[in-house]
Amino acid sequence: MQEDKNLDENLDEFNKLVIELENTGEKINDEDQTVILLNSLPSTYSQLRDTIK
């Protein structure tokens, strides 16, 4: 995620990437998407990330 974008913009970009991968035949399950998303959060969200994990 990019810190200069708000959370909604970053989530939109993430969802676009997931859709592009699915269009190529690569399926990413919900659990993997969650892990990828949590690990991509900027350091400003570290407390939230640790709580969710």
PDB file of N, CA and C in Angstrom:
ATOM      1  N   MET A   1       0.832  -1.181   0.000  1.00  0.00           N
ATOM      2  CA  MET A   1       0.000   0.000   0.000  1.00  0.00           C
ATOM      3  C   MET A   1       0.875   1.243   0.000  1.00  0.00           C
ATOM      4  N   GLN A   2       0.333   2.277  -0.560  1.00  0.00           N
ATOM      5  CA  GLN A   2       1.059   3.539  -0.627  1.00  0.00           C
ATOM      6  C   GLN A   2       0.511   4.486   0.432  1.00  0.00           C
ATOM      7  N   GLU A   3       1.399   5.044   1.228  1.00  0.00           N
ATOM      8  CA  GLU A   3       0.975   5.904   2.327  1.00  0.00           C
ATOM      9  C   GLU A   3       0.371   7.219   1.849  1.00  0.00           C
ATOM     10  N   ASP A   4       0.676   7.628   0.615  1.00  0.00           N
ATOM     11  CA  ASP A   4       0.128   8.885   0.110  1.00  0.00           C
ATOM     12  C   ASP A   4      -1.309   8.738  -0.394  1.00  0.00           C
ATOM     13  N   LYS A   5      -1.812   7.498  -0.441  1.00  0.00           N
ATOM     14  CA  LYS A   5      -3.201   7.257  -0.826  1.00  0.00           C
ATOM     15  C   LYS A   5      -4.003   6.895   0.414  1.00  0.00           C
ATOM     16  N   ASN A   6      -5.297   7.199   0.368  1.00  0.00           N
ATOM     17  CA  ASN A   6      -6.135   6.821   1.510  1.00  0.00           C
ATOM     18  C   ASN A   6      -6.467   5.338   1.434  1.00  0.00           C
ATOM     19  N   LEU A   7      -7.048   4.828   2.485  1.00  0.00           N
ATOM     20  CA  LEU A   7      -7.315   3.398   2.588  1.00  0.00           C
ATOM     21  C   LEU A   7      -8.229   2.908   1.466  1.00  0.00           C
ATOM     22  N   ASP A   8      -9.245   3.670   1.131  1.00  0.00           N
ATOM     23  CA  ASP A   8     -10.167   3.273   0.059  1.00  0.00           C
ATOM     24  C   ASP A   8      -9.447   3.143  -1.279  1.00  0.00           C
ATOM     25  N   GLU A   9      -8.569   4.084  -1.580  1.00  0.00           N
ATOM     26  CA  GLU A   9      -7.827   4.029  -2.836  1.00  0.00           C
ATOM     27  C   GLU A   9      -6.922   2.791  -2.881  1.00  0.00           C
ATOM     28  N   ASN A  10      -6.273   2.515  -1.768  1.00  0.00           N
ATOM     29  CA  ASN A  10      -5.413   1.338  -1.698  1.00  0.00           C
ATOM     30  C   ASN A  10      -6.206   0.044  -1.822  1.00  0.00           C
ATOM     31  N   LEU A  11      -7.361  -0.020  -1.187  1.00  0.00           N
ATOM     32  CA  LEU A  11      -8.204  -1.215  -1.295  1.00  0.00           C
ATOM     33  C   LEU A  11      -8.719  -1.397  -2.716  1.00  0.00           C
ATOM     34  N   ASP A  12      -9.072  -0.307  -3.372  1.00  0.00           N
ATOM     35  CA  ASP A  12      -9.510  -0.391  -4.769  1.00  0.00           C
ATOM     36  C   ASP A  12      -8.400  -0.961  -5.645  1.00  0.00           C
ATOM     37  N   GLU A  13      -7.181  -0.485  -5.433  1.00  0.00           N
ATOM     38  CA  GLU A  13      -6.046  -0.979  -6.207  1.00  0.00           C
ATOM     39  C   GLU A  13      -5.800  -2.468  -5.931  1.00  0.00           C
ATOM     40  N   PHE A  14      -5.894  -2.854  -4.670  1.00  0.00           N
ATOM     41  CA  PHE A  14      -5.719  -4.255  -4.297  1.00  0.00           C
ATOM     42  C   PHE A  14      -6.767  -5.123  -4.984  1.00  0.00           C
ATOM     43  N   ASN A  15      -8.017  -4.696  -4.941  1.00  0.00           N
ATOM     44  CA  ASN A  15      -9.102  -5.463  -5.571  1.00  0.00           C
ATOM     45  C   ASN A  15      -8.911  -5.564  -7.079  1.00  0.00           C
ATOM     46  N   LYS A  16      -8.421  -4.502  -7.713  1.00  0.00           N
ATOM     47  CA  LYS A  16      -8.149  -4.549  -9.150  1.00  0.00           C
ATOM     48  C   LYS A  16      -7.084  -5.593  -9.458  1.00  0.00           C
ATOM     49  N   LEU A  17      -6.042  -5.643  -8.630  1.00  0.00           N
ATOM     50  CA  LEU A  17      -4.982  -6.625  -8.834  1.00  0.00           C
ATOM     51  C   LEU A  17      -5.507  -8.049  -8.673  1.00  0.00           C
ATOM     52  N   VAL A  18      -6.351  -8.266  -7.675  1.00  0.00           N
ATOM     53  CA  VAL A  18      -6.937  -9.591  -7.461  1.00  0.00           C
ATOM     54  C   VAL A  18      -7.784  -9.990  -8.671  1.00  0.00           C
ATOM     55  N   ILE A  19      -8.577  -9.066  -9.182  1.00  0.00           N
ATOM     56  CA  ILE A  19      -9.422  -9.345 -10.349  1.00  0.00           C
ATOM     57  C   ILE A  19      -8.569  -9.648 -11.572  1.00  0.00           C
ATOM     58  N   GLU A  20      -7.487  -8.888 -11.758  1.00  0.00           N
ATOM     59  CA  GLU A  20      -6.591  -9.139 -12.890  1.00  0.00           C
ATOM     60  C   GLU A  20      -5.985 -10.540 -12.797  1.00  0.00           C
ATOM     61  N   LEU A  21      -5.575 -10.931 -11.594  1.00  0.00           N
ATOM     62  CA  LEU A  21      -5.026 -12.274 -11.413  1.00  0.00           C
ATOM     63  C   LEU A  21      -6.078 -13.342 -11.711  1.00  0.00           C
ATOM     64  N   GLU A  22      -7.303 -13.118 -11.249  1.00  0.00           N
ATOM     65  CA  GLU A  22      -8.372 -14.077 -11.509  1.00  0.00           C
ATOM     66  C   GLU A  22      -8.667 -14.176 -13.004  1.00  0.00           C
ATOM     67  N   ASN A  23      -8.550 -13.063 -13.714  1.00  0.00           N
ATOM     68  CA  ASN A  23      -8.781 -13.067 -15.161  1.00  0.00           C
ATOM     69  C   ASN A  23      -7.717 -13.868 -15.912  1.00  0.00           C
ATOM     70  N   THR A  24      -6.550 -14.038 -15.308  1.00  0.00           N
ATOM     71  CA  THR A  24      -5.493 -14.838 -15.926  1.00  0.00           C
ATOM     72  C   THR A  24      -5.577 -16.296 -15.497  1.00  0.00           C
ATOM     73  N   GLY A  25      -6.556 -16.608 -14.650  1.00  0.00           N
ATOM     74  CA  GLY A  25      -6.748 -17.982 -14.208  1.00  0.00           C
ATOM     75  C   GLY A  25      -6.148 -18.283 -12.854  1.00  0.00           C
ATOM     76  N   GLU A  26      -5.534 -17.301 -12.232  1.00  0.00           N
ATOM     77  CA  GLU A  26      -4.909 -17.488 -10.914  1.00  0.00           C
ATOM     78  C   GLU A  26      -5.912 -17.104  -9.833  1.00  0.00           C
ATOM     79  N   LYS A  27      -6.309 -18.066  -9.036  1.00  0.00           N
ATOM     80  CA  LYS A  27      -7.289 -17.808  -7.961  1.00  0.00           C
ATOM     81  C   LYS A  27      -6.546 -17.627  -6.639  1.00  0.00           C
ATOM     82  N   ILE A  28      -6.850 -16.539  -5.953  1.00  0.00           N
ATOM     83  CA  ILE A  28      -6.286 -16.292  -4.626  1.00  0.00           C
ATOM     84  C   ILE A  28      -7.437 -16.380  -3.633  1.00  0.00           C
ATOM     85  N   ASN A  29      -7.366 -17.359  -2.724  1.00  0.00           N
ATOM     86  CA  ASN A  29      -8.481 -17.539  -1.791  1.00  0.00           C
ATOM     87  C   ASN A  29      -8.557 -16.382  -0.794  1.00  0.00           C
ATOM     88  N   ASP A  30      -9.676 -16.291  -0.110  1.00  0.00           N
ATOM     89  CA  ASP A  30      -9.928 -15.174   0.802  1.00  0.00           C
ATOM     90  C   ASP A  30      -8.892 -15.083   1.916  1.00  0.00           C
ATOM     91  N   GLU A  31      -8.478 -16.241   2.436  1.00  0.00           N
ATOM     92  CA  GLU A  31      -7.491 -16.225   3.515  1.00  0.00           C
ATOM     93  C   GLU A  31      -6.155 -15.651   3.035  1.00  0.00           C
ATOM     94  N   ASP A  32      -5.720 -16.049   1.852  1.00  0.00           N
ATOM     95  CA  ASP A  32      -4.473 -15.518   1.300  1.00  0.00           C
ATOM     96  C   ASP A  32      -4.592 -14.024   1.008  1.00  0.00           C
ATOM     97  N   GLN A  33      -5.739 -13.605   0.513  1.00  0.00           N
ATOM     98  CA  GLN A  33      -5.955 -12.179   0.259  1.00  0.00           C
ATOM     99  C   GLN A  33      -5.842 -11.384   1.556  1.00  0.00           C
ATOM    100  N   THR A  34      -6.404 -11.927   2.624  1.00  0.00           N
ATOM    101  CA  THR A  34      -6.357 -11.252   3.918  1.00  0.00           C
ATOM    102  C   THR A  34      -4.922 -11.115   4.410  1.00  0.00           C
ATOM    103  N   VAL A  35      -4.156 -12.183   4.295  1.00  0.00           N
ATOM    104  CA  VAL A  35      -2.759 -12.156   4.733  1.00  0.00           C
ATOM    105  C   VAL A  35      -1.960 -11.145   3.913  1.00  0.00           C
ATOM    106  N   ILE A  36      -2.145 -11.160   2.604  1.00  0.00           N
ATOM    107  CA  ILE A  36      -1.440 -10.219   1.731  1.00  0.00           C
ATOM    108  C   ILE A  36      -1.813  -8.788   2.090  1.00  0.00           C
ATOM    109  N   LEU A  37      -3.094  -8.548   2.281  1.00  0.00           N
ATOM    110  CA  LEU A  37      -3.565  -7.203   2.608  1.00  0.00           C
ATOM    111  C   LEU A  37      -3.012  -6.731   3.945  1.00  0.00           C
ATOM    112  N   LEU A  38      -3.063  -7.571   4.959  1.00  0.00           N
ATOM    113  CA  LEU A  38      -2.534  -7.184   6.276  1.00  0.00           C
ATOM    114  C   LEU A  38      -1.045  -6.893   6.217  1.00  0.00           C
ATOM    115  N   ASN A  39      -0.309  -7.696   5.488  1.00  0.00           N
ATOM    116  CA  ASN A  39       1.134  -7.495   5.404  1.00  0.00           C
ATOM    117  C   ASN A  39       1.513  -6.285   4.561  1.00  0.00           C
ATOM    118  N   SER A  40       0.598  -5.809   3.754  1.00  0.00           N
ATOM    119  CA  SER A  40       0.901  -4.646   2.920  1.00  0.00           C
ATOM    120  C   SER A  40       0.525  -3.320   3.582  1.00  0.00           C
ATOM    121  N   LEU A  41      -0.110  -3.398   4.750  1.00  0.00           N
ATOM    122  CA  LEU A  41      -0.476  -2.160   5.442  1.00  0.00           C
ATOM    123  C   LEU A  41       0.767  -1.373   5.837  1.00  0.00           C
ATOM    124  N   PRO A  42       0.714  -0.051   5.695  1.00  0.00           N
ATOM    125  CA  PRO A  42       1.859   0.773   6.105  1.00  0.00           C
ATOM    126  C   PRO A  42       2.076   0.698   7.618  1.00  0.00           C
ATOM    127  N   SER A  43       3.223   1.131   8.051  1.00  0.00           N
ATOM    128  CA  SER A  43       3.583   1.048   9.467  1.00  0.00           C
ATOM    129  C   SER A  43       2.622   1.809  10.370  1.00  0.00           C
ATOM    130  N   THR A  44       1.919   2.785   9.828  1.00  0.00           N
ATOM    131  CA  THR A  44       0.954   3.534  10.638  1.00  0.00           C
ATOM    132  C   THR A  44      -0.200   2.656  11.107  1.00  0.00           C
ATOM    133  N   TYR A  45      -0.367   1.509  10.460  1.00  0.00           N
ATOM    134  CA  TYR A  45      -1.434   0.580  10.827  1.00  0.00           C
ATOM    135  C   TYR A  45      -0.904  -0.626  11.586  1.00  0.00           C
ATOM    136  N   SER A  46       0.308  -0.551  12.097  1.00  0.00           N
ATOM    137  CA  SER A  46       0.932  -1.719  12.733  1.00  0.00           C
ATOM    138  C   SER A  46       0.141  -2.227  13.928  1.00  0.00           C
ATOM    139  N   GLN A  47      -0.426  -1.331  14.729  1.00  0.00           N
ATOM    140  CA  GLN A  47      -1.200  -1.772  15.886  1.00  0.00           C
ATOM    141  C   GLN A  47      -2.470  -2.517  15.438  1.00  0.00           C
ATOM    142  N   LEU A  48      -3.139  -1.994  14.436  1.00  0.00           N
ATOM    143  CA  LEU A  48      -4.335  -2.655  13.889  1.00  0.00           C
ATOM    144  C   LEU A  48      -3.964  -4.016  13.309  1.00  0.00           C
ATOM    145  N   ARG A  49      -2.887  -4.071  12.554  1.00  0.00           N
ATOM    146  CA  ARG A  49      -2.425  -5.318  11.949  1.00  0.00           C
ATOM    147  C   ARG A  49      -2.139  -6.362  13.021  1.00  0.00           C
ATOM    148  N   ASP A  50      -1.433  -5.966  14.076  1.00  0.00           N
ATOM    149  CA  ASP A  50      -1.105  -6.906  15.150  1.00  0.00           C
ATOM    150  C   ASP A  50      -2.355  -7.387  15.892  1.00  0.00           C
ATOM    151  N   THR A  51      -3.311  -6.501  16.053  1.00  0.00           N
ATOM    152  CA  THR A  51      -4.555  -6.874  16.731  1.00  0.00           C
ATOM    153  C   THR A  51      -5.339  -7.898  15.914  1.00  0.00           C
ATOM    154  N   ILE A  52      -5.413  -7.677  14.612  1.00  0.00           N
ATOM    155  CA  ILE A  52      -6.163  -8.577  13.747  1.00  0.00           C
ATOM    156  C   ILE A  52      -5.475  -9.944  13.663  1.00  0.00           C
ATOM    157  N   LYS A  53      -4.152  -9.939  13.570  1.00  0.00           N
ATOM    158  CA  LYS A  53      -3.414 -11.202  13.507  1.00  0.00           C
ATOM    159  C   LYS A  53      -3.622 -11.993  14.765  1.00  0.00           C
TER     160      LYS A  53
END
